[in-house]
C-alpha atoms as a PDB file:
ATOM      1  CA  MET A   1    -149.686 174.910  46.352  1.00  0.00           C
ATOM      2  CA  ILE A   2    -147.649 172.142  47.737  1.00  0.00           C
ATOM      3  CA  ARG A   3    -150.747 170.457  49.066  1.00  0.00           C
ATOM      4  CA  LEU A   4    -152.322 170.659  45.680  1.00  0.00           C
ATOM      5  CA  ALA A   5    -149.118 169.489  43.953  1.00  0.00           C
ATOM      6  CA  SER A   6    -149.106 166.470  46.238  1.00  0.00           C
ATOM      7  CA  PHE A   7    -152.851 165.878  45.295  1.00  0.00           C
ATOM      8  CA  LEU A   8    -152.256 166.114  41.810  1.00  0.00           C
ATOM      9  CA  LEU A   9    -149.264 163.756  41.702  1.00  0.00           C
ATOM     10  CA  ALA A  10    -151.192 161.276  44.017  1.00  0.00           C
ATOM     11  CA  SER A  11    -153.974 161.338  41.388  1.00  0.00           C
ATOM     12  CA  TYR A  12    -151.592 160.692  38.436  1.00  0.00           C
ATOM     13  CA  ILE A  13    -149.959 157.908  40.316  1.00  0.00           C
ATOM     14  CA  ARG A  14    -153.385 156.237  40.713  1.00  0.00           C
ATOM     15  CA  SER A  15    -154.053 156.692  37.094  1.00  0.00           C
ATOM     16  CA  TYR A  16    -151.232 154.370  36.409  1.00  0.00           C
ATOM     17  CA  ARG A  17    -150.262 156.671  33.173  1.00  0.00           C
ATOM     18  CA  TYR A  18    -146.638 157.057  34.405  1.00  0.00           C
ATOM     19  CA  PHE A  19    -146.002 153.560  33.819  1.00  0.00           C
ATOM     20  CA  ALA A  20    -145.014 153.666  30.165  1.00  0.00           C
ATOM     21  CA  PRO A  21    -142.606 156.605  30.327  1.00  0.00           C
ATOM     22  CA  VAL A  22    -140.914 155.714  33.446  1.00  0.00           C
ATOM     23  CA  GLY A  23    -140.686 151.994  32.364  1.00  0.00           C
ATOM     24  CA  SER A  24    -139.320 153.033  29.262  1.00  0.00           C
ATOM     25  CA  MET A  25    -136.796 155.332  30.760  1.00  0.00           C
ATOM     26  CA  LEU A  26    -135.561 152.387  33.027  1.00  0.00           C
ATOM     27  CA  ILE A  27    -135.328 149.897  30.372  1.00  0.00           C
ATOM     28  CA  ALA A  28    -133.162 152.461  28.157  1.00  0.00           C
ATOM     29  CA  MET A  29    -130.959 152.977  31.244  1.00  0.00           C
ATOM     30  CA  MET A  30    -130.506 149.196  31.890  1.00  0.00           C
ATOM     31  CA  LEU A  31    -129.784 148.662  28.121  1.00  0.00           C
ATOM     32  CA  LEU A  32    -126.940 151.443  28.241  1.00  0.00           C
ATOM     33  CA  TYR A  33    -125.294 149.675  31.509  1.00  0.00           C
ATOM     34  CA  SER A  34    -125.664 146.340  30.435  1.00  0.00           C
ATOM     35  CA  TYR A  35    -121.923 146.152  29.980  1.00  0.00           C
ATOM     36  CA  LYS A  36    -119.358 147.761  32.033  1.00  0.00           C
ATOM     37  CA  PRO A  37    -117.333 149.630  32.657  1.00  0.00           C
ATOM     38  CA  ASN A  38    -118.819 152.705  30.941  1.00  0.00           C
ATOM     39  CA  PRO A  39    -117.170 156.263  30.380  1.00  0.00           C
ATOM     40  CA  VAL A  40    -118.868 158.786  32.915  1.00  0.00           C
ATOM     41  CA  MET A  41    -119.922 161.974  31.052  1.00  0.00           C
ATOM     42  CA  ASP A  42    -120.706 159.921  27.824  1.00  0.00           C
ATOM     43  CA  SER A  43    -123.007 157.867  29.902  1.00  0.00           C
ATOM     44  CA  TYR A  44    -124.394 160.860  31.473  1.00  0.00           C
ATOM     45  CA  ALA A  45    -124.969 162.514  28.301  1.00  0.00           C
ATOM     46  CA  VAL A  46    -127.030 159.688  27.020  1.00  0.00           C
ATOM     47  CA  THR A  47    -129.317 159.370  30.184  1.00  0.00           C
ATOM     48  CA  SER A  48    -129.824 163.263  30.069  1.00  0.00           C
ATOM     49  CA  ALA A  49    -131.301 162.659  26.658  1.00  0.00           C
ATOM     50  CA  PHE A  50    -133.540 159.861  28.136  1.00  0.00           C
ATOM     51  CA  LEU A  51    -134.691 162.046  30.773  1.00  0.00           C
ATOM     52  CA  PHE A  52    -135.546 164.859  28.222  1.00  0.00           C
ATOM     53  CA  VAL A  53    -137.691 162.434  25.982  1.00  0.00           C
ATOM     54  CA  GLY A  54    -139.095 160.606  28.949  1.00  0.00           C
ATOM     55  CA  GLY A  55    -139.766 163.756  30.994  1.00  0.00           C
ATOM     56  CA  ALA A  56    -141.563 165.131  28.016  1.00  0.00           C
ATOM     57  CA  TRP A  57    -143.758 161.935  27.559  1.00  0.00           C
ATOM     58  CA  LEU A  58    -144.375 161.915  31.495  1.00  0.00           C
ATOM     59  CA  SER A  59    -145.358 165.577  31.589  1.00  0.00           C
ATOM     60  CA  PHE A  60    -147.523 165.175  28.487  1.00  0.00           C
ATOM     61  CA  SER A  61    -149.519 162.384  30.480  1.00  0.00           C
ATOM     62  CA  PHE A  62    -149.456 164.169  33.635  1.00  0.00           C
ATOM     63  CA  LEU A  63    -150.970 167.373  32.122  1.00  0.00           C
ATOM     64  CA  ASN A  64    -153.556 165.423  30.433  1.00  0.00           C
ATOM     65  CA  HIS A  65    -154.575 162.789  33.080  1.00  0.00           C
ATOM     66  CA  ALA A  66    -157.008 164.921  34.919  1.00  0.00           C
ATOM     67  CA  GLY A  67    -160.346 165.302  33.602  1.00  0.00           C
ATOM     68  CA  ALA A  68    -162.596 168.585  33.382  1.00  0.00           C
ATOM     69  CA  VAL A  69    -164.211 168.083  36.874  1.00  0.00           C
ATOM     70  CA  LEU A  70    -160.965 167.428  38.685  1.00  0.00           C
ATOM     71  CA  GLU A  71    -159.323 170.363  36.903  1.00  0.00           C
ATOM     72  CA  GLN A  72    -162.370 172.733  38.080  1.00  0.00           C
ATOM     73  CA  LEU A  73    -162.080 171.424  41.731  1.00  0.00           C
ATOM     74  CA  SER A  74    -158.536 171.950  41.597  1.00  0.00           C
ATOM     75  CA  VAL A  75    -158.514 175.431  40.324  1.00  0.00           C
ATOM     76  CA  ILE A  76    -161.228 176.105  42.952  1.00  0.00           C
ATOM     77  CA  HIS A  77    -159.022 174.774  45.714  1.00  0.00           C
ATOM     78  CA  ALA A  78    -155.888 176.740  44.442  1.00  0.00           C
ATOM     79  CA  GLY A  79    -157.956 179.914  44.219  1.00  0.00           C
ATOM     80  CA  SER A  80    -156.627 180.887  40.756  1.00  0.00           C
ATOM     81  CA  MET A  81    -155.637 179.363  37.505  1.00  0.00           C
ATOM     82  CA  ARG A  82    -152.134 180.643  38.023  1.00  0.00           C
ATOM     83  CA  LYS A  83    -151.815 178.900  41.182  1.00  0.00           C
ATOM     84  CA  TYR A  84    -153.028 175.887  39.745  1.00  0.00           C
ATOM     85  CA  ALA A  85    -150.430 176.175  36.888  1.00  0.00           C
ATOM     86  CA  ALA A  86    -147.891 176.798  39.331  1.00  0.00           C
ATOM     87  CA  SER A  87    -148.889 173.508  41.351  1.00  0.00           C
ATOM     88  CA  GLN A  88    -148.807 171.458  38.334  1.00  0.00           C
ATOM     89  CA  MET A  89    -145.233 172.716  37.527  1.00  0.00           C
ATOM     90  CA  LEU A  90    -144.139 172.009  41.123  1.00  0.00           C
ATOM     91  CA  ALA A  91    -145.359 168.531  40.948  1.00  0.00           C
ATOM     92  CA  LEU A  92    -143.369 167.891  37.692  1.00  0.00           C
ATOM     93  CA  LEU A  93    -140.368 169.561  39.117  1.00  0.00           C
ATOM     94  CA  ALA A  94    -140.286 166.922  41.982  1.00  0.00           C
ATOM     95  CA  VAL A  95    -140.502 164.228  39.628  1.00  0.00           C
ATOM     96  CA  ILE A  96    -137.767 165.451  37.630  1.00  0.00           C
ATOM     97  CA  VAL A  97    -135.557 166.022  40.643  1.00  0.00           C
ATOM     98  CA  PHE A  98    -136.280 162.268  41.608  1.00  0.00           C
ATOM     99  CA  LEU A  99    -135.690 160.948  38.153  1.00  0.00           C
ATOM    100  CA  SER A 100    -132.504 163.181  37.954  1.00  0.00           C
ATOM    101  CA  ALA A 101    -131.088 161.631  41.160  1.00  0.00           C
ATOM    102  CA  PHE A 102    -131.911 158.145  40.114  1.00  0.00           C
ATOM    103  CA  PHE A 103    -130.304 158.541  36.730  1.00  0.00           C
ATOM    104  CA  LEU A 104    -127.054 160.135  38.598  1.00  0.00           C
ATOM    105  CA  LEU A 105    -126.694 157.726  41.371  1.00  0.00           C
ATOM    106  CA  TYR A 106    -127.689 154.258  39.845  1.00  0.00           C
ATOM    107  CA  PRO A 107    -124.618 153.828  37.834  1.00  0.00           C
ATOM    108  CA  VAL A 108    -122.183 154.945  40.834  1.00  0.00           C
ATOM    109  CA  VAL A 109    -124.080 152.647  43.296  1.00  0.00           C
ATOM    110  CA  MET A 110    -123.931 149.698  40.746  1.00  0.00           C
ATOM    111  CA  ASN A 111    -120.276 150.616  39.871  1.00  0.00           C
ATOM    112  CA  MET A 112    -120.757 150.962  36.308  1.00  0.00           C
ATOM    113  CA  PHE A 113    -118.202 153.559  35.482  1.00  0.00           C
ATOM    114  CA  ALA A 114    -114.527 152.992  34.633  1.00  0.00           C
ATOM    115  CA  GLU A 115    -113.379 155.827  37.045  1.00  0.00           C
ATOM    116  CA  THR A 116    -114.523 157.768  40.126  1.00  0.00           C
ATOM    117  CA  VAL A 117    -116.727 160.349  39.332  1.00  0.00           C
ATOM    118  CA  SER A 118    -115.032 163.795  40.134  1.00  0.00           C
ATOM    119  CA  ALA A 119    -116.772 166.764  41.810  1.00  0.00           C
ATOM    120  CA  ARG A 120    -116.683 168.619  38.376  1.00  0.00           C
ATOM    121  CA  GLN A 121    -118.323 165.898  36.895  1.00  0.00           C
ATOM    122  CA  TRP A 122    -120.853 165.617  39.525  1.00  0.00           C
ATOM    123  CA  LEU A 123    -121.937 169.179  39.215  1.00  0.00           C
ATOM    124  CA  ILE A 124    -121.948 169.415  35.595  1.00  0.00           C
ATOM    125  CA  ALA A 125    -123.976 166.086  35.082  1.00  0.00           C
ATOM    126  CA  SER A 126    -126.535 166.879  37.728  1.00  0.00           C
ATOM    127  CA  SER A 127    -127.069 170.238  36.236  1.00  0.00           C
ATOM    128  CA  GLY A 128    -127.377 168.791  32.769  1.00  0.00           C
ATOM    129  CA  HIS A 129    -129.811 166.291  33.897  1.00  0.00           C
ATOM    130  CA  LEU A 130    -132.146 168.540  35.813  1.00  0.00           C
ATOM    131  CA  ALA A 131    -131.949 171.043  33.184  1.00  0.00           C
ATOM    132  CA  LEU A 132    -132.981 168.579  30.258  1.00  0.00           C
ATOM    133  CA  GLY A 133    -135.770 167.189  32.419  1.00  0.00           C
ATOM    134  CA  MET A 134    -137.150 170.474  33.029  1.00  0.00           C
ATOM    135  CA  LEU A 135    -136.850 171.412  29.325  1.00  0.00           C
ATOM    136  CA  GLY A 136    -138.952 168.239  28.572  1.00  0.00           C
ATOM    137  CA  ALA A 137    -141.423 169.212  30.659  1.00  0.00           C
ATOM    138  CA  GLY A 138    -141.538 172.516  29.393  1.00  0.00           C
ATOM    139  CA  ILE A 139    -142.280 171.481  25.909  1.00  0.00           C
ATOM    140  CA  SER A 140    -145.571 169.588  27.135  1.00  0.00           C
ATOM    141  CA  TYR A 141    -146.966 172.742  29.227  1.00  0.00           C
ATOM    142  CA  PHE A 142    -149.135 174.071  25.724  1.00  0.00           C
ATOM    143  CA  LEU A 143    -149.886 170.693  24.645  1.00  0.00           C
ATOM    144  CA  GLN A 144    -152.406 169.529  27.220  1.00  0.00           C
ATOM    145  CA  ALA A 145    -156.116 169.361  26.298  1.00  0.00           C
ATOM    146  CA  ALA A 146    -156.806 172.863  27.538  1.00  0.00           C
ATOM    147  CA  TYR A 147    -155.034 174.222  24.932  1.00  0.00           C
ATOM    148  CA  ILE A 148    -155.203 171.414  22.026  1.00  0.00           C
ATOM    149  CA  ARG A 149    -158.440 169.495  22.171  1.00  0.00           C
ATOM    150  CA  ASN A 150    -157.054 166.897  19.653  1.00  0.00           C
ATOM    151  CA  ILE A 151    -154.815 164.511  21.703  1.00  0.00           C
ATOM    152  CA  SER A 152    -153.535 162.869  18.690  1.00  0.00           C
ATOM    153  CA  ARG A 153    -152.523 166.065  17.011  1.00  0.00           C
ATOM    154  CA  ALA A 154    -150.945 167.221  20.433  1.00  0.00           C
ATOM    155  CA  THR A 155    -148.899 163.746  20.569  1.00  0.00           C
ATOM    156  CA  ALA A 156    -147.831 164.323  16.975  1.00  0.00           C
ATOM    157  CA  ILE A 157    -146.804 168.105  17.831  1.00  0.00           C
ATOM    158  CA  LEU A 158    -144.838 166.653  20.860  1.00  0.00           C
ATOM    159  CA  LEU A 159    -142.890 164.057  18.842  1.00  0.00           C
ATOM    160  CA  ILE A 160    -141.983 166.647  16.149  1.00  0.00           C
ATOM    161  CA  ILE A 161    -140.582 168.886  18.729  1.00  0.00           C
ATOM    162  CA  VAL A 162    -138.580 166.087  20.524  1.00  0.00           C
ATOM    163  CA  ILE A 163    -137.086 164.958  17.020  1.00  0.00           C
ATOM    164  CA  LEU A 164    -136.209 168.528  16.015  1.00  0.00           C
ATOM    165  CA  SER A 165    -134.550 168.927  19.374  1.00  0.00           C
ATOM    166  CA  ILE A 166    -132.407 166.120  19.261  1.00  0.00           C
ATOM    167  CA  GLY A 167    -131.379 166.557  15.626  1.00  0.00           C
ATOM    168  CA  ALA A 168    -130.971 170.355  15.705  1.00  0.00           C
ATOM    169  CA  ARG A 169    -127.189 170.357  15.160  1.00  0.00           C
ATOM    170  CA  GLN A 170    -127.574 167.942  11.957  1.00  0.00           C
ATOM    171  CA  ILE A 171    -130.123 170.010  10.614  1.00  0.00           C
ATOM    172  CA  ALA A 172    -128.463 173.333  11.157  1.00  0.00           C
ATOM    173  CA  ALA A 173    -125.295 171.719   9.506  1.00  0.00           C
ATOM    174  CA  LYS A 174    -127.326 171.188   6.201  1.00  0.00           C
ATOM    175  CA  LEU A 175    -128.357 174.649   6.059  1.00  0.00           C
ATOM    176  CA  PRO A 176    -126.487 177.621   4.418  1.00  0.00           C
ATOM    177  CA  GLU A 177    -123.771 178.878   6.895  1.00  0.00           C
ATOM    178  CA  GLY A 178    -125.860 182.228   7.532  1.00  0.00           C
ATOM    179  CA  LEU A 179    -128.673 180.366   8.895  1.00  0.00           C
ATOM    180  CA  SER A 180    -126.474 178.130  11.278  1.00  0.00           C
ATOM    181  CA  TRP A 181    -127.883 179.883  14.301  1.00  0.00           C
ATOM    182  CA  ILE A 182    -131.213 178.517  14.004  1.00  0.00           C
ATOM    183  CA  ARG A 183    -130.287 175.408  15.970  1.00  0.00           C
ATOM    184  CA  TRP A 184    -130.472 177.850  19.045  1.00  0.00           C
ATOM    185  CA  ALA A 185    -134.104 178.550  18.271  1.00  0.00           C
ATOM    186  CA  PHE A 186    -134.869 174.706  19.054  1.00  0.00           C
ATOM    187  CA  PRO A 187    -135.016 173.648  22.547  1.00  0.00           C
ATOM    188  CA  PRO A 188    -131.093 173.040  23.113  1.00  0.00           C
ATOM    189  CA  VAL A 189    -131.068 169.296  23.636  1.00  0.00           C
ATOM    190  CA  ALA A 190    -128.496 168.601  21.185  1.00  0.00           C
ATOM    191  CA  GLU A 191    -126.166 171.335  22.276  1.00  0.00           C
ATOM    192  CA  MET A 192    -126.632 170.104  25.908  1.00  0.00           C
ATOM    193  CA  ILE A 193    -125.659 166.529  24.876  1.00  0.00           C
ATOM    194  CA  ASP A 194    -122.751 167.532  22.899  1.00  0.00           C
ATOM    195  CA  THR A 195    -121.582 169.701  25.737  1.00  0.00           C
ATOM    196  CA  LEU A 196    -121.805 166.777  28.438  1.00  0.00           C
ATOM    197  CA  MET A 197    -119.881 164.580  26.137  1.00  0.00           C
ATOM    198  CA  ARG A 198    -117.097 167.124  25.697  1.00  0.00           C
ATOM    199  CA  SER A 199    -117.267 168.565  29.350  1.00  0.00           C
ATOM    200  CA  ASP A 200    -113.958 166.948  30.489  1.00  0.00           C
ATOM    201  CA  THR A 201    -111.976 168.670  27.929  1.00  0.00           C
ATOM    202  CA  ALA A 202    -113.956 171.488  27.101  1.00  0.00           C
ATOM    203  CA  LEU A 203    -113.474 175.263  28.755  1.00  0.00           C
ATOM    204  CA  LEU A 204    -116.012 175.731  31.829  1.00  0.00           C
ATOM    205  CA  THR A 205    -117.196 178.907  30.340  1.00  0.00           C
ATOM    206  CA  GLY A 206    -118.616 176.965  27.223  1.00  0.00           C
ATOM    207  CA  VAL A 207    -120.040 174.434  29.416  1.00  0.00           C
ATOM    208  CA  TRP A 208    -121.894 176.528  31.814  1.00  0.00           C
ATOM    209  CA  GLY A 209    -123.006 178.741  28.915  1.00  0.00           C
ATOM    210  CA  VAL A 210    -124.939 175.988  27.248  1.00  0.00           C
ATOM    211  CA  ILE A 211    -126.380 174.581  30.609  1.00  0.00           C
ATOM    212  CA  GLY A 212    -127.475 178.266  31.508  1.00  0.00           C
ATOM    213  CA  TYR A 213    -129.167 178.873  28.237  1.00  0.00           C
ATOM    214  CA  THR A 214    -130.968 175.349  28.635  1.00  0.00           C
ATOM    215  CA  TYR A 215    -132.083 176.478  32.047  1.00  0.00           C
ATOM    216  CA  LEU A 216    -133.127 179.958  30.699  1.00  0.00           C
ATOM    217  CA  TYR A 217    -135.062 178.322  27.907  1.00  0.00           C
ATOM    218  CA  ALA A 218    -136.787 175.858  30.334  1.00  0.00           C
ATOM    219  CA  PHE A 219    -137.806 178.800  32.670  1.00  0.00           C
ATOM    220  CA  ALA A 220    -138.876 180.839  29.760  1.00  0.00           C
ATOM    221  CA  LEU A 221    -141.397 178.058  28.644  1.00  0.00           C
ATOM    222  CA  ALA A 222    -142.442 177.782  32.474  1.00  0.00           C
ATOM    223  CA  ALA A 223    -142.944 181.513  32.733  1.00  0.00           C
ATOM    224  CA  ALA A 224    -144.937 181.715  29.535  1.00  0.00           C
ATOM    225  CA  TYR A 225    -147.154 178.901  30.633  1.00  0.00           C
ATOM    226  CA  TRP A 226    -147.778 180.608  33.992  1.00  0.00           C
ATOM    227  CA  ILE A 227    -148.582 183.795  32.346  1.00  0.00           C
ATOM    228  CA  PHE A 228    -150.819 182.703  29.653  1.00  0.00           C
ATOM    229  CA  SER A 229    -152.876 180.364  32.267  1.00  0.00           C
ATOM    230  CA  ALA A 230    -154.475 183.392  33.442  1.00  0.00           C
ATOM    231  CA  TYR A 231    -156.161 183.999  30.117  1.00  0.00           C
ATOM    232  CA  ARG A 232    -157.870 180.757  30.053  1.00  0.00           C
ATOM    233  CA  ASP A 233    -160.755 179.048  32.309  1.00  0.00           C
ATOM    234  CA  ALA A 234    -160.956 175.513  33.602  1.00  0.00           C
ATOM    235  CA  ARG A 235    -162.013 172.960  31.292  1.00  0.00           C
ATOM    236  CA  THR A 236    -165.646 172.174  31.016  1.00  0.00           C
END
C-alpha cells in the first residue's frame, strides 16, 4: 500500500492540482503572520482552521484527479478496492502530517510568537492541527466522482459542509435550547477552534475530550469509506 500511496501522490503532484489549495493555505498563513508578535494558541487555532479548509479542498482534488483508467489499474495493482481506498487515505495522511508540521514550525522558526511555546501548547496544537487536517480529508471521501458523478454538485456539497462545520456553534445558538446538542452532529471544527483558543486556561479534560472527539469523528469517516469501498467497482 505504501508503494501505491507513493504512486498516487506522484500522479497528483504531476497534475498540479495541488497548487490552488496549498497556495491558498500558504497565502492565508502569510497574511496571518504579516505582523508580530502573535499569541501562540490563538494563532494555532486559526491555522488549524486553515488546514481543515485547505485539507478538505486538497483531498477533494486528490480523490478526483485520477481518471477511470488510472483507478482501474491502481485497483488491479492493489488487489482489492479496500486496499486502494486505504492507499488513498495513507497518501492523504502523509500530506496532512507534512502540512501540520509546516504550520506548527513556521511561526516558531520565524520567531512570530510573543512567547516561547510550552510543551503543553506544542502537544495540544499539534494534536489539533492533525485532527482537523484528517477531518478535512474525511469529509471529502464520499464526494469523489466514484460516488457523485456531477463535480459541480460535489463541490457545492463540500462547501456547504465546510461552512456548516465552521459555523456550527453560531447555528446551534439560534436554535431552541433543547436542540443545542445538534452542533456535535456537525464535524467538530468550531468546537476545536474554540478549544484551542481557550486551551491555556481550560481544564485539560475538556481540551482532550474535544480533541479526542474530533479524532473519533475523522476515524469514523475513514472507517465508513474503507468499509463501503468494497461495495463499489472501479470507475469505467
